[in-house]
Amino acid sequence: MQQPKKRNPKDMAPRAYTLFKRAERTNRVLTVDVICNYTGYSVRTFKGHWSKKYRQFLHHDGNGGYTVNGLSQITRAEFLSWHSQLAKPSQVKEVDRYYKLVFGTVECRMVIVVLVLAGIVWR
């Protein structure tokens, strides 16, 4: 397998979307080599993306290739958002709200007191 071409990291996800979209439309089988050369991903990066992001639409064909099925249900914007390292303000607010609900409750405080007392008694 040859080394993939160096590409701007910002271009890699859009190129991957384009490649997968075309492969789905034409029923083309993609190899890791083709995917890495077209997108600029290293093999390691591709395998990580496949296991965490692409499994829902990129499937092993049993012969060392991948077929695309189901990408048509995913918008380009959604696909590209999977590659963003930035948390959206709404996500930050939800996490903050969750911790306020969970750790700000009387029940949570009671559990902490019980655990502390159980630790004292256990000695």
PDB file of N, CA and C in Angstrom:
ATOM      1  N   MET A   1       0.855  -1.178   0.000  1.00  0.00           N
ATOM      2  CA  MET A   1       0.000   0.000   0.000  1.00  0.00           C
ATOM      3  C   MET A   1       0.896   1.234   0.000  1.00  0.00           C
ATOM      4  N   GLN A   2       0.612   2.160  -0.883  1.00  0.00           N
ATOM      5  CA  GLN A   2       1.414   3.363  -0.951  1.00  0.00           C
ATOM      6  C   GLN A   2       0.944   4.399   0.069  1.00  0.00           C
ATOM      7  N   GLN A   3       1.860   5.306   0.388  1.00  0.00           N
ATOM      8  CA  GLN A   3       1.567   6.357   1.356  1.00  0.00           C
ATOM      9  C   GLN A   3       0.556   7.327   0.756  1.00  0.00           C
ATOM     10  N   PRO A   4      -0.498   7.703   1.529  1.00  0.00           N
ATOM     11  CA  PRO A   4      -1.475   8.659   0.990  1.00  0.00           C
ATOM     12  C   PRO A   4      -0.849  10.036   0.771  1.00  0.00           C
ATOM     13  N   LYS A   5      -1.410  10.774  -0.183  1.00  0.00           N
ATOM     14  CA  LYS A   5      -0.943  12.133  -0.449  1.00  0.00           C
ATOM     15  C   LYS A   5      -1.240  13.011   0.757  1.00  0.00           C
ATOM     16  N   LYS A   6      -0.325  13.931   1.035  1.00  0.00           N
ATOM     17  CA  LYS A   6      -0.553  14.884   2.122  1.00  0.00           C
ATOM     18  C   LYS A   6      -1.626  15.867   1.680  1.00  0.00           C
ATOM     19  N   ARG A   7      -2.623  16.036   2.507  1.00  0.00           N
ATOM     20  CA  ARG A   7      -3.721  16.949   2.201  1.00  0.00           C
ATOM     21  C   ARG A   7      -3.967  17.847   3.395  1.00  0.00           C
ATOM     22  N   ASN A   8      -4.627  18.931   3.134  1.00  0.00           N
ATOM     23  CA  ASN A   8      -5.056  19.823   4.203  1.00  0.00           C
ATOM     24  C   ASN A   8      -6.091  19.073   5.047  1.00  0.00           C
ATOM     25  N   PRO A   9      -5.892  18.981   6.358  1.00  0.00           N
ATOM     26  CA  PRO A   9      -6.841  18.251   7.207  1.00  0.00           C
ATOM     27  C   PRO A   9      -8.283  18.737   7.076  1.00  0.00           C
ATOM     28  N   LYS A  10      -8.469  20.007   6.766  1.00  0.00           N
ATOM     29  CA  LYS A  10      -9.832  20.538   6.609  1.00  0.00           C
ATOM     30  C   LYS A  10     -10.524  19.985   5.364  1.00  0.00           C
ATOM     31  N   ASP A  11      -9.736  19.510   4.410  1.00  0.00           N
ATOM     32  CA  ASP A  11     -10.300  18.971   3.169  1.00  0.00           C
ATOM     33  C   ASP A  11     -10.608  17.482   3.253  1.00  0.00           C
ATOM     34  N   MET A  12     -10.084  16.800   4.253  1.00  0.00           N
ATOM     35  CA  MET A  12     -10.193  15.340   4.301  1.00  0.00           C
ATOM     36  C   MET A  12     -11.629  14.849   4.482  1.00  0.00           C
ATOM     37  N   ALA A  13     -12.346  15.386   5.435  1.00  0.00           N
ATOM     38  CA  ALA A  13     -13.725  14.934   5.676  1.00  0.00           C
ATOM     39  C   ALA A  13     -14.635  15.245   4.484  1.00  0.00           C
ATOM     40  N   PRO A  14     -14.568  16.451   3.895  1.00  0.00           N
ATOM     41  CA  PRO A  14     -15.390  16.695   2.703  1.00  0.00           C
ATOM     42  C   PRO A  14     -15.043  15.750   1.549  1.00  0.00           C
ATOM     43  N   ARG A  15     -13.761  15.437   1.392  1.00  0.00           N
ATOM     44  CA  ARG A  15     -13.361  14.499   0.336  1.00  0.00           C
ATOM     45  C   ARG A  15     -13.897  13.104   0.632  1.00  0.00           C
ATOM     46  N   ALA A  16     -13.861  12.708   1.897  1.00  0.00           N
ATOM     47  CA  ALA A  16     -14.399  11.393   2.274  1.00  0.00           C
ATOM     48  C   ALA A  16     -15.891  11.335   1.965  1.00  0.00           C
ATOM     49  N   TYR A  17     -16.617  12.391   2.304  1.00  0.00           N
ATOM     50  CA  TYR A  17     -18.058  12.414   2.025  1.00  0.00           C
ATOM     51  C   TYR A  17     -18.321  12.276   0.526  1.00  0.00           C
ATOM     52  N   THR A  18     -17.569  13.016  -0.270  1.00  0.00           N
ATOM     53  CA  THR A  18     -17.736  12.958  -1.726  1.00  0.00           C
ATOM     54  C   THR A  18     -17.447  11.548  -2.249  1.00  0.00           C
ATOM     55  N   LEU A  19     -16.355  10.950  -1.795  1.00  0.00           N
ATOM     56  CA  LEU A  19     -15.998   9.601  -2.233  1.00  0.00           C
ATOM     57  C   LEU A  19     -17.075   8.593  -1.854  1.00  0.00           C
ATOM     58  N   PHE A  20     -17.521   8.645  -0.603  1.00  0.00           N
ATOM     59  CA  PHE A  20     -18.523   7.684  -0.140  1.00  0.00           C
ATOM     60  C   PHE A  20     -19.858   7.890  -0.865  1.00  0.00           C
ATOM     61  N   LYS A  21     -20.216   9.134  -1.115  1.00  0.00           N
ATOM     62  CA  LYS A  21     -21.466   9.435  -1.825  1.00  0.00           C
ATOM     63  C   LYS A  21     -21.434   8.840  -3.234  1.00  0.00           C
ATOM     64  N   ARG A  22     -20.303   9.055  -3.937  1.00  0.00           N
ATOM     65  CA  ARG A  22     -20.161   8.511  -5.294  1.00  0.00           C
ATOM     66  C   ARG A  22     -20.181   6.981  -5.281  1.00  0.00           C
ATOM     67  N   ALA A  23     -19.480   6.401  -4.305  1.00  0.00           N
ATOM     68  CA  ALA A  23     -19.432   4.937  -4.218  1.00  0.00           C
ATOM     69  C   ALA A  23     -20.817   4.357  -3.949  1.00  0.00           C
ATOM     70  N   GLU A  24     -21.609   5.028  -3.131  1.00  0.00           N
ATOM     71  CA  GLU A  24     -22.962   4.547  -2.858  1.00  0.00           C
ATOM     72  C   GLU A  24     -23.826   4.639  -4.115  1.00  0.00           C
ATOM     73  N   ARG A  25     -23.707   5.748  -4.817  1.00  0.00           N
ATOM     74  CA  ARG A  25     -24.523   5.958  -6.013  1.00  0.00           C
ATOM     75  C   ARG A  25     -24.178   4.951  -7.112  1.00  0.00           C
ATOM     76  N   THR A  26     -22.889   4.582  -7.231  1.00  0.00           N
ATOM     77  CA  THR A  26     -22.457   3.687  -8.306  1.00  0.00           C
ATOM     78  C   THR A  26     -22.253   2.242  -7.848  1.00  0.00           C
ATOM     79  N   ASN A  27     -22.535   1.952  -6.586  1.00  0.00           N
ATOM     80  CA  ASN A  27     -22.331   0.605  -6.017  1.00  0.00           C
ATOM     81  C   ASN A  27     -20.889   0.134  -6.150  1.00  0.00           C
ATOM     82  N   ARG A  28     -19.956   1.042  -5.981  1.00  0.00           N
ATOM     83  CA  ARG A  28     -18.531   0.737  -6.109  1.00  0.00           C
ATOM     84  C   ARG A  28     -17.992   0.176  -4.796  1.00  0.00           C
ATOM     85  N   VAL A  29     -17.113  -0.803  -4.891  1.00  0.00           N
ATOM     86  CA  VAL A  29     -16.411  -1.337  -3.730  1.00  0.00           C
ATOM     87  C   VAL A  29     -15.130  -0.532  -3.552  1.00  0.00           C
ATOM     88  N   LEU A  30     -14.917  -0.041  -2.335  1.00  0.00           N
ATOM     89  CA  LEU A  30     -13.737   0.773  -2.046  1.00  0.00           C
ATOM     90  C   LEU A  30     -12.734  -0.045  -1.237  1.00  0.00           C
ATOM     91  N   THR A  31     -11.455   0.141  -1.536  1.00  0.00           N
ATOM     92  CA  THR A  31     -10.407  -0.482  -0.729  1.00  0.00           C
ATOM     93  C   THR A  31      -9.848   0.566   0.221  1.00  0.00           C
ATOM     94  N   VAL A  32      -9.140   0.109   1.233  1.00  0.00           N
ATOM     95  CA  VAL A  32      -8.507   1.040   2.172  1.00  0.00           C
ATOM     96  C   VAL A  32      -7.527   1.934   1.418  1.00  0.00           C
ATOM     97  N   ASP A  33      -6.801   1.361   0.474  1.00  0.00           N
ATOM     98  CA  ASP A  33      -5.835   2.112  -0.315  1.00  0.00           C
ATOM     99  C   ASP A  33      -6.504   3.253  -1.078  1.00  0.00           C
ATOM    100  N   VAL A  34      -7.631   2.960  -1.723  1.00  0.00           N
ATOM    101  CA  VAL A  34      -8.359   3.986  -2.481  1.00  0.00           C
ATOM    102  C   VAL A  34      -8.873   5.076  -1.540  1.00  0.00           C
ATOM    103  N   ILE A  35      -9.447   4.670  -0.425  1.00  0.00           N
ATOM    104  CA  ILE A  35      -9.991   5.642   0.536  1.00  0.00           C
ATOM    105  C   ILE A  35      -8.886   6.544   1.061  1.00  0.00           C
ATOM    106  N   CYS A  36      -7.764   5.959   1.458  1.00  0.00           N
ATOM    107  CA  CYS A  36      -6.666   6.751   2.021  1.00  0.00           C
ATOM    108  C   CYS A  36      -6.025   7.672   0.992  1.00  0.00           C
ATOM    109  N   ASN A  37      -5.841   7.177  -0.226  1.00  0.00           N
ATOM    110  CA  ASN A  37      -5.248   8.021  -1.266  1.00  0.00           C
ATOM    111  C   ASN A  37      -6.163   9.171  -1.662  1.00  0.00           C
ATOM    112  N   TYR A  38      -7.449   8.928  -1.728  1.00  0.00           N
ATOM    113  CA  TYR A  38      -8.378   9.983  -2.137  1.00  0.00           C
ATOM    114  C   TYR A  38      -8.570  11.024  -1.039  1.00  0.00           C
ATOM    115  N   THR A  39      -8.709  10.569   0.206  1.00  0.00           N
ATOM    116  CA  THR A  39      -9.010  11.494   1.302  1.00  0.00           C
ATOM    117  C   THR A  39      -7.772  12.120   1.921  1.00  0.00           C
ATOM    118  N   GLY A  40      -6.653  11.383   1.895  1.00  0.00           N
ATOM    119  CA  GLY A  40      -5.460  11.844   2.596  1.00  0.00           C
ATOM    120  C   GLY A  40      -5.353  11.260   3.993  1.00  0.00           C
ATOM    121  N   TYR A  41      -6.329  10.449   4.400  1.00  0.00           N
ATOM    122  CA  TYR A  41      -6.266   9.790   5.705  1.00  0.00           C
ATOM    123  C   TYR A  41      -5.108   8.796   5.719  1.00  0.00           C
ATOM    124  N   SER A  42      -4.489   8.636   6.887  1.00  0.00           N
ATOM    125  CA  SER A  42      -3.578   7.518   7.061  1.00  0.00           C
ATOM    126  C   SER A  42      -4.448   6.278   7.284  1.00  0.00           C
ATOM    127  N   VAL A  43      -3.872   5.106   7.154  1.00  0.00           N
ATOM    128  CA  VAL A  43      -4.634   3.877   7.377  1.00  0.00           C
ATOM    129  C   VAL A  43      -5.158   3.860   8.811  1.00  0.00           C
ATOM    130  N   ARG A  44      -4.329   4.276   9.730  1.00  0.00           N
ATOM    131  CA  ARG A  44      -4.726   4.306  11.150  1.00  0.00           C
ATOM    132  C   ARG A  44      -5.910   5.247  11.381  1.00  0.00           C
ATOM    133  N   THR A  45      -5.855   6.420  10.770  1.00  0.00           N
ATOM    134  CA  THR A  45      -6.956   7.387  10.907  1.00  0.00           C
ATOM    135  C   THR A  45      -8.231   6.823  10.297  1.00  0.00           C
ATOM    136  N   PHE A  46      -8.112   6.233   9.107  1.00  0.00           N
ATOM    137  CA  PHE A  46      -9.299   5.665   8.477  1.00  0.00           C
ATOM    138  C   PHE A  46      -9.919   4.585   9.362  1.00  0.00           C
ATOM    139  N   LYS A  47      -9.101   3.687   9.877  1.00  0.00           N
ATOM    140  CA  LYS A  47      -9.635   2.602  10.708  1.00  0.00           C
ATOM    141  C   LYS A  47     -10.305   3.144  11.968  1.00  0.00           C
ATOM    142  N   GLY A  48      -9.732   4.197  12.540  1.00  0.00           N
ATOM    143  CA  GLY A  48     -10.358   4.832  13.697  1.00  0.00           C
ATOM    144  C   GLY A  48     -11.698   5.454  13.342  1.00  0.00           C
ATOM    145  N   HIS A  49     -11.737   6.164  12.221  1.00  0.00           N
ATOM    146  CA  HIS A  49     -13.003   6.763  11.767  1.00  0.00           C
ATOM    147  C   HIS A  49     -14.025   5.683  11.446  1.00  0.00           C
ATOM    148  N   TRP A  50     -13.560   4.594  10.827  1.00  0.00           N
ATOM    149  CA  TRP A  50     -14.505   3.530  10.481  1.00  0.00           C
ATOM    150  C   TRP A  50     -15.130   2.959  11.755  1.00  0.00           C
ATOM    151  N   SER A  51     -14.322   2.689  12.765  1.00  0.00           N
ATOM    152  CA  SER A  51     -14.876   2.059  13.965  1.00  0.00           C
ATOM    153  C   SER A  51     -15.745   3.008  14.778  1.00  0.00           C
ATOM    154  N   LYS A  52     -15.480   4.311  14.709  1.00  0.00           N
ATOM    155  CA  LYS A  52     -16.230   5.260  15.537  1.00  0.00           C
ATOM    156  C   LYS A  52     -17.327   6.016  14.787  1.00  0.00           C
ATOM    157  N   LYS A  53     -17.161   6.209  13.487  1.00  0.00           N
ATOM    158  CA  LYS A  53     -18.076   7.099  12.767  1.00  0.00           C
ATOM    159  C   LYS A  53     -18.738   6.477  11.550  1.00  0.00           C
ATOM    160  N   TYR A  54     -18.015   5.640  10.819  1.00  0.00           N
ATOM    161  CA  TYR A  54     -18.482   5.208   9.505  1.00  0.00           C
ATOM    162  C   TYR A  54     -19.170   3.855   9.488  1.00  0.00           C
ATOM    163  N   ARG A  55     -19.150   3.113  10.562  1.00  0.00           N
ATOM    164  CA  ARG A  55     -19.685   1.744  10.568  1.00  0.00           C
ATOM    165  C   ARG A  55     -21.152   1.667  10.171  1.00  0.00           C
ATOM    166  N   GLN A  56     -21.884   2.739  10.449  1.00  0.00           N
ATOM    167  CA  GLN A  56     -23.318   2.696  10.156  1.00  0.00           C
ATOM    168  C   GLN A  56     -23.627   2.689   8.663  1.00  0.00           C
ATOM    169  N   PHE A  57     -22.690   3.111   7.829  1.00  0.00           N
ATOM    170  CA  PHE A  57     -22.954   3.129   6.384  1.00  0.00           C
ATOM    171  C   PHE A  57     -21.845   2.496   5.549  1.00  0.00           C
ATOM    172  N   LEU A  58     -20.682   2.247   6.120  1.00  0.00           N
ATOM    173  CA  LEU A  58     -19.552   1.676   5.387  1.00  0.00           C
ATOM    174  C   LEU A  58     -19.325   0.253   5.885  1.00  0.00           C
ATOM    175  N   HIS A  59     -19.580  -0.723   5.020  1.00  0.00           N
ATOM    176  CA  HIS A  59     -19.618  -2.122   5.440  1.00  0.00           C
ATOM    177  C   HIS A  59     -18.538  -2.948   4.748  1.00  0.00           C
ATOM    178  N   HIS A  60     -17.907  -3.873   5.507  1.00  0.00           N
ATOM    179  CA  HIS A  60     -16.953  -4.823   4.911  1.00  0.00           C
ATOM    180  C   HIS A  60     -17.683  -5.681   3.886  1.00  0.00           C
ATOM    181  N   ASP A  61     -17.045  -5.930   2.767  1.00  0.00           N
ATOM    182  CA  ASP A  61     -17.683  -6.791   1.760  1.00  0.00           C
ATOM    183  C   ASP A  61     -17.206  -8.238   1.845  1.00  0.00           C
ATOM    184  N   GLY A  62     -16.276  -8.537   2.757  1.00  0.00           N
ATOM    185  CA  GLY A  62     -15.772  -9.900   2.916  1.00  0.00           C
ATOM    186  C   GLY A  62     -14.546 -10.196   2.065  1.00  0.00           C
ATOM    187  N   ASN A  63     -14.193  -9.298   1.172  1.00  0.00           N
ATOM    188  CA  ASN A  63     -13.030  -9.500   0.290  1.00  0.00           C
ATOM    189  C   ASN A  63     -11.989  -8.400   0.472  1.00  0.00           C
ATOM    190  N   GLY A  64     -11.998  -7.745   1.598  1.00  0.00           N
ATOM    191  CA  GLY A  64     -11.025  -6.681   1.848  1.00  0.00           C
ATOM    192  C   GLY A  64     -11.475  -5.310   1.394  1.00  0.00           C
ATOM    193  N   GLY A  65     -12.697  -5.213   0.924  1.00  0.00           N
ATOM    194  CA  GLY A  65     -13.213  -3.926   0.474  1.00  0.00           C
ATOM    195  C   GLY A  65     -14.361  -3.462   1.343  1.00  0.00           C
ATOM    196  N   TYR A  66     -14.853  -2.282   1.019  1.00  0.00           N
ATOM    197  CA  TYR A  66     -15.973  -1.688   1.751  1.00  0.00           C
ATOM    198  C   TYR A  66     -17.044  -1.253   0.759  1.00  0.00           C
ATOM    199  N   THR A  67     -18.283  -1.481   1.113  1.00  0.00           N
ATOM    200  CA  THR A  67     -19.396  -0.973   0.326  1.00  0.00           C
ATOM    201  C   THR A  67     -20.119   0.086   1.149  1.00  0.00           C
ATOM    202  N   VAL A  68     -20.718   1.029   0.472  1.00  0.00           N
ATOM    203  CA  VAL A  68     -21.422   2.128   1.127  1.00  0.00           C
ATOM    204  C   VAL A  68     -22.919   1.902   0.975  1.00  0.00           C
ATOM    205  N   ASN A  69     -23.610   1.895   2.099  1.00  0.00           N
ATOM    206  CA  ASN A  69     -25.060   1.731   2.086  1.00  0.00           C
ATOM    207  C   ASN A  69     -25.644   2.474   3.285  1.00  0.00           C
ATOM    208  N   GLY A  70     -26.434   3.496   3.032  1.00  0.00           N
ATOM    209  CA  GLY A  70     -27.067   4.254   4.100  1.00  0.00           C
ATOM    210  C   GLY A  70     -26.569   5.674   4.257  1.00  0.00           C
ATOM    211  N   LEU A  71     -25.549   6.054   3.486  1.00  0.00           N
ATOM    212  CA  LEU A  71     -25.048   7.425   3.574  1.00  0.00           C
ATOM    213  C   LEU A  71     -26.077   8.425   3.077  1.00  0.00           C
ATOM    214  N   SER A  72     -26.966   7.983   2.210  1.00  0.00           N
ATOM    215  CA  SER A  72     -27.984   8.891   1.671  1.00  0.00           C
ATOM    216  C   SER A  72     -28.906   9.422   2.766  1.00  0.00           C
ATOM    217  N   GLN A  73     -28.938   8.746   3.913  1.00  0.00           N
ATOM    218  CA  GLN A  73     -29.761   9.193   5.042  1.00  0.00           C
ATOM    219  C   GLN A  73     -29.052  10.261   5.890  1.00  0.00           C
ATOM    220  N   ILE A  74     -27.782  10.518   5.581  1.00  0.00           N
ATOM    221  CA  ILE A  74     -26.962  11.436   6.372  1.00  0.00           C
ATOM    222  C   ILE A  74     -26.639  12.658   5.529  1.00  0.00           C
ATOM    223  N   THR A  75     -26.908  13.827   6.053  1.00  0.00           N
ATOM    224  CA  THR A  75     -26.606  15.051   5.307  1.00  0.00           C
ATOM    225  C   THR A  75     -25.111  15.335   5.349  1.00  0.00           C
ATOM    226  N   ARG A  76     -24.666  16.112   4.391  1.00  0.00           N
ATOM    227  CA  ARG A  76     -23.254  16.519   4.361  1.00  0.00           C
ATOM    228  C   ARG A  76     -22.886  17.256   5.647  1.00  0.00           C
ATOM    229  N   ALA A  77     -23.757  18.151   6.092  1.00  0.00           N
ATOM    230  CA  ALA A  77     -23.490  18.920   7.313  1.00  0.00           C
ATOM    231  C   ALA A  77     -23.350  18.002   8.528  1.00  0.00           C
ATOM    232  N   GLU A  78     -24.225  17.003   8.614  1.00  0.00           N
ATOM    233  CA  GLU A  78     -24.151  16.063   9.736  1.00  0.00           C
ATOM    234  C   GLU A  78     -22.839  15.264   9.672  1.00  0.00           C
ATOM    235  N   PHE A  79     -22.492  14.785   8.487  1.00  0.00           N
ATOM    236  CA  PHE A  79     -21.250  14.028   8.304  1.00  0.00           C
ATOM    237  C   PHE A  79     -20.054  14.874   8.734  1.00  0.00           C
ATOM    238  N   LEU A  80     -20.002  16.106   8.287  1.00  0.00           N
ATOM    239  CA  LEU A  80     -18.874  16.977   8.616  1.00  0.00           C
ATOM    240  C   LEU A  80     -18.849  17.329  10.099  1.00  0.00           C
ATOM    241  N   SER A  81     -20.014  17.401  10.730  1.00  0.00           N
ATOM    242  CA  SER A  81     -20.041  17.717  12.163  1.00  0.00           C
ATOM    243  C   SER A  81     -19.422  16.602  12.999  1.00  0.00           C
ATOM    244  N   TRP A  82     -19.441  15.371  12.492  1.00  0.00           N
ATOM    245  CA  TRP A  82     -18.805  14.259  13.213  1.00  0.00           C
ATOM    246  C   TRP A  82     -17.307  14.462  13.341  1.00  0.00           C
ATOM    247  N   HIS A  83     -16.727  15.254  12.448  1.00  0.00           N
ATOM    248  CA  HIS A  83     -15.284  15.461  12.417  1.00  0.00           C
ATOM    249  C   HIS A  83     -14.865  16.740  13.144  1.00  0.00           C
ATOM    250  N   SER A  84     -15.822  17.472  13.653  1.00  0.00           N
ATOM    251  CA  SER A  84     -15.516  18.729  14.329  1.00  0.00           C
ATOM    252  C   SER A  84     -15.024  18.443  15.743  1.00  0.00           C
ATOM    253  N   GLN A  85     -14.010  19.157  16.155  1.00  0.00           N
ATOM    254  CA  GLN A  85     -13.467  19.003  17.508  1.00  0.00           C
ATOM    255  C   GLN A  85     -14.114  19.973  18.490  1.00  0.00           C
ATOM    256  N   LEU A  86     -14.960  20.827  17.986  1.00  0.00           N
ATOM    257  CA  LEU A  86     -15.557  21.855  18.831  1.00  0.00           C
ATOM    258  C   LEU A  86     -16.892  21.388  19.397  1.00  0.00           C
ATOM    259  N   ALA A  87     -17.113  21.661  20.673  1.00  0.00           N
ATOM    260  CA  ALA A  87     -18.410  21.363  21.278  1.00  0.00           C
ATOM    261  C   ALA A  87     -19.354  22.507  20.934  1.00  0.00           C
ATOM    262  N   LYS A  88     -20.547  22.173  20.588  1.00  0.00           N
ATOM    263  CA  LYS A  88     -21.540  23.201  20.282  1.00  0.00           C
ATOM    264  C   LYS A  88     -22.070  23.771  21.596  1.00  0.00           C
ATOM    265  N   PRO A  89     -22.404  25.067  21.627  1.00  0.00           N
ATOM    266  CA  PRO A  89     -22.905  25.673  22.865  1.00  0.00           C
ATOM    267  C   PRO A  89     -24.077  24.904  23.470  1.00  0.00           C
ATOM    268  N   SER A  90     -24.959  24.360  22.643  1.00  0.00           N
ATOM    269  CA  SER A  90     -26.107  23.624  23.171  1.00  0.00           C
ATOM    270  C   SER A  90     -25.652  22.359  23.897  1.00  0.00           C
ATOM    271  N   GLN A  91     -24.588  21.717  23.405  1.00  0.00           N
ATOM    272  CA  GLN A  91     -24.080  20.517  24.063  1.00  0.00           C
ATOM    273  C   GLN A  91     -23.476  20.864  25.414  1.00  0.00           C
ATOM    274  N   VAL A  92     -22.741  21.961  25.485  1.00  0.00           N
ATOM    275  CA  VAL A  92     -22.131  22.383  26.740  1.00  0.00           C
ATOM    276  C   VAL A  92     -23.220  22.687  27.765  1.00  0.00           C
ATOM    277  N   LYS A  93     -24.280  23.374  27.336  1.00  0.00           N
ATOM    278  CA  LYS A  93     -25.378  23.686  28.244  1.00  0.00           C
ATOM    279  C   LYS A  93     -26.052  22.423  28.750  1.00  0.00           C
ATOM    280  N   GLU A  94     -26.240  21.424  27.878  1.00  0.00           N
ATOM    281  CA  GLU A  94     -26.878  20.176  28.287  1.00  0.00           C
ATOM    282  C   GLU A  94     -26.037  19.447  29.330  1.00  0.00           C
ATOM    283  N   VAL A  95     -24.729  19.389  29.129  1.00  0.00           N
ATOM    284  CA  VAL A  95     -23.848  18.720  30.088  1.00  0.00           C
ATOM    285  C   VAL A  95     -23.882  19.444  31.417  1.00  0.00           C
ATOM    286  N   ASP A  96     -23.806  20.766  31.371  1.00  0.00           N
ATOM    287  CA  ASP A  96     -23.851  21.564  32.586  1.00  0.00           C
ATOM    288  C   ASP A  96     -25.176  21.341  33.317  1.00  0.00           C
ATOM    289  N   ARG A  97     -26.259  21.326  32.585  1.00  0.00           N
ATOM    290  CA  ARG A  97     -27.583  21.107  33.173  1.00  0.00           C
ATOM    291  C   ARG A  97     -27.676  19.720  33.809  1.00  0.00           C
ATOM    292  N   TYR A  98     -27.125  18.711  33.151  1.00  0.00           N
ATOM    293  CA  TYR A  98     -27.155  17.343  33.676  1.00  0.00           C
ATOM    294  C   TYR A  98     -26.445  17.275  35.025  1.00  0.00           C
ATOM    295  N   TYR A  99     -25.245  17.852  35.107  1.00  0.00           N
ATOM    296  CA  TYR A  99     -24.500  17.779  36.355  1.00  0.00           C
ATOM    297  C   TYR A  99     -25.179  18.569  37.465  1.00  0.00           C
ATOM    298  N   LYS A 100     -25.822  19.666  37.105  1.00  0.00           N
ATOM    299  CA  LYS A 100     -26.570  20.403  38.128  1.00  0.00           C
ATOM    300  C   LYS A 100     -27.735  19.570  38.639  1.00  0.00           C
ATOM    301  N   LEU A 101     -28.406  18.857  37.740  1.00  0.00           N
ATOM    302  CA  LEU A 101     -29.527  18.016  38.152  1.00  0.00           C
ATOM    303  C   LEU A 101     -29.060  16.843  39.011  1.00  0.00           C
ATOM    304  N   VAL A 102     -27.997  16.178  38.577  1.00  0.00           N
ATOM    305  CA  VAL A 102     -27.551  14.979  39.272  1.00  0.00           C
ATOM    306  C   VAL A 102     -26.856  15.307  40.583  1.00  0.00           C
ATOM    307  N   PHE A 103     -25.884  16.214  40.549  1.00  0.00           N
ATOM    308  CA  PHE A 103     -25.086  16.477  41.731  1.00  0.00           C
ATOM    309  C   PHE A 103     -25.687  17.537  42.644  1.00  0.00           C
ATOM    310  N   GLY A 104     -26.744  18.171  42.213  1.00  0.00           N
ATOM    311  CA  GLY A 104     -27.366  19.184  43.043  1.00  0.00           C
ATOM    312  C   GLY A 104     -28.594  18.663  43.791  1.00  0.00           C
ATOM    313  N   THR A 105     -28.832  17.369  43.739  1.00  0.00           N
ATOM    314  CA  THR A 105     -30.035  16.823  44.350  1.00  0.00           C
ATOM    315  C   THR A 105     -29.789  16.398  45.783  1.00  0.00           C
ATOM    316  N   VAL A 106     -30.856  16.385  46.540  1.00  0.00           N
ATOM    317  CA  VAL A 106     -30.798  15.941  47.930  1.00  0.00           C
ATOM    318  C   VAL A 106     -30.407  14.466  47.983  1.00  0.00           C
ATOM    319  N   GLU A 107     -30.923  13.675  47.040  1.00  0.00           N
ATOM    320  CA  GLU A 107     -30.610  12.256  47.022  1.00  0.00           C
ATOM    321  C   GLU A 107     -29.109  12.026  46.858  1.00  0.00           C
ATOM    322  N   CYS A 108     -28.491  12.813  46.006  1.00  0.00           N
ATOM    323  CA  CYS A 108     -27.059  12.670  45.786  1.00  0.00           C
ATOM    324  C   CYS A 108     -26.302  12.993  47.069  1.00  0.00           C
ATOM    325  N   ARG A 109     -26.692  14.041  47.730  1.00  0.00           N
ATOM    326  CA  ARG A 109     -26.034  14.409  48.992  1.00  0.00           C
ATOM    327  C   ARG A 109     -26.221  13.326  50.042  1.00  0.00           C
ATOM    328  N   MET A 110     -27.388  12.718  50.065  1.00  0.00           N
ATOM    329  CA  MET A 110     -27.653  11.642  51.027  1.00  0.00           C
ATOM    330  C   MET A 110     -26.763  10.436  50.742  1.00  0.00           C
ATOM    331  N   VAL A 111     -26.572  10.116  49.475  1.00  0.00           N
ATOM    332  CA  VAL A 111     -25.708   8.996  49.111  1.00  0.00           C
ATOM    333  C   VAL A 111     -24.283   9.261  49.570  1.00  0.00           C
ATOM    334  N   ILE A 112     -23.815  10.477  49.391  1.00  0.00           N
ATOM    335  CA  ILE A 112     -22.465  10.830  49.825  1.00  0.00           C
ATOM    336  C   ILE A 112     -22.341  10.673  51.338  1.00  0.00           C
ATOM    337  N   VAL A 113     -23.317  11.155  52.095  1.00  0.00           N
ATOM    338  CA  VAL A 113     -23.292  11.042  53.559  1.00  0.00           C
ATOM    339  C   VAL A 113     -23.277   9.569  53.964  1.00  0.00           C
ATOM    340  N   VAL A 114     -24.109   8.771  53.348  1.00  0.00           N
ATOM    341  CA  VAL A 114     -24.171   7.346  53.679  1.00  0.00           C
ATOM    342  C   VAL A 114     -22.840   6.670  53.380  1.00  0.00           C
ATOM    343  N   LEU A 115     -22.229   6.991  52.250  1.00  0.00           N
ATOM    344  CA  LEU A 115     -20.941   6.397  51.907  1.00  0.00           C
ATOM    345  C   LEU A 115     -19.847   6.797  52.887  1.00  0.00           C
ATOM    346  N   VAL A 116     -19.845   8.057  53.298  1.00  0.00           N
ATOM    347  CA  VAL A 116     -18.865   8.515  54.286  1.00  0.00           C
ATOM    348  C   VAL A 116     -19.071   7.786  55.599  1.00  0.00           C
ATOM    349  N   LEU A 117     -20.305   7.692  56.049  1.00  0.00           N
ATOM    350  CA  LEU A 117     -20.600   6.987  57.301  1.00  0.00           C
ATOM    351  C   LEU A 117     -20.254   5.506  57.199  1.00  0.00           C
ATOM    352  N   ALA A 118     -20.529   4.899  56.069  1.00  0.00           N
ATOM    353  CA  ALA A 118     -20.210   3.484  55.888  1.00  0.00           C
ATOM    354  C   ALA A 118     -18.694   3.296  55.932  1.00  0.00           C
ATOM    355  N   GLY A 119     -17.955   4.230  55.396  1.00  0.00           N
ATOM    356  CA  GLY A 119     -16.498   4.157  55.449  1.00  0.00           C
ATOM    357  C   GLY A 119     -15.992   4.262  56.869  1.00  0.00           C
ATOM    358  N   ILE A 120     -16.614   5.122  57.670  1.00  0.00           N
ATOM    359  CA  ILE A 120     -16.217   5.273  59.072  1.00  0.00           C
ATOM    360  C   ILE A 120     -16.519   4.007  59.849  1.00  0.00           C
ATOM    361  N   VAL A 121     -17.704   3.456  59.636  1.00  0.00           N
ATOM    362  CA  VAL A 121     -18.128   2.243  60.347  1.00  0.00           C
ATOM    363  C   VAL A 121     -17.261   1.058  59.922  1.00  0.00           C
ATOM    364  N   TRP A 122     -16.898   0.986  58.683  1.00  0.00           N
ATOM    365  CA  TRP A 122     -16.126  -0.126  58.144  1.00  0.00           C
ATOM    366  C   TRP A 122     -14.774  -0.258  58.818  1.00  0.00           C
ATOM    367  N   ARG A 123     -14.179   0.840  59.212  1.00  0.00           N
ATOM    368  CA  ARG A 123     -12.861   0.823  59.858  1.00  0.00           C
ATOM    369  C   ARG A 123     -12.992   0.084  61.121  1.00  0.00           C
TER     370      ARG A 123
END
